[in-house]
Amino acid sequence: MSGLEIPRLETEHLILRGWGEDLLDEFAAFYADAENAHFIGGPCDRYEAWRRMSVQVGHWALRGFGLWALAEKASGAFVGYCGPYRPESWPENEIGWGLVRRFQGQGYAAEAALKARQFAFHNLGWTTAVSYIRPDNLPSQRLAARIGAHLEGTIIFLGKDAGVWRHPQPIRTIN
C-alpha cells in the first residue's frame, strides 16, 4: 500500500488489519447479502463494494484511524470490520462494526469492538465514543450493551432514527 501504514492488531481469535484488494471478493459478498447490508447502506454490486472499501482506506489516510478489516486467525477468512470512525459531518467519534452473517454470534464483534475502543482511548486520546444504532438493529444493541455502552438518547442520523449508545470511559489508574 503506497506508504499508508494501518496498524495491525490482534485479539484471541482475530487479526485487525488494513484493507487491500485481496479482500474485494469477500467484501463484495458481504455487501451483496441484503441481511448483512440492511443497516449499513444496503446491498450493492461489486463496483459499489469496491468504492465502499476505498472509503475505508481513505478514512485511514485522511484521519489517521478508521475501520479495520477483520480476519479470523484460524482460517484467515474475512469476518467483517470494526474500528474508530468519524467521517465528515459525524456528530461524534464512533466505534463501528459489521460482521459477515456466518461469523455472528461467536463473540467476534465484542472482541473486535473492545480492542478498537481500547485503541481509540489509549492511542488516539479519545475521551468519549458512541455507536449509532438503529432502533430495529437488536443484535447491535445487544452487543453495545454487552461491552458496557448504554443508550443515551436518539437522534436523526443519516436521515433515520438512531440510538446514541455511549461507551464507558477507560479506567484510569493513579500511580
Foldseek 3Di string as FASTA:
>chain_A
DVPQDDDWDDDPWKIFAADDPVCLVVQLVQLQPQVQCVFPPGHDHSVVSVVVSVVQSVQCVVPVWGKTFIATPVPRDTFWIWAWDDDPPDPFIETDITTRVVNPPPCPVLRRSVVRVCCCCPVVVDQWYWHWAAPPPVSVVVSLVVQPWAFPDWDQDPNGITTTTIHDGDDDDDD
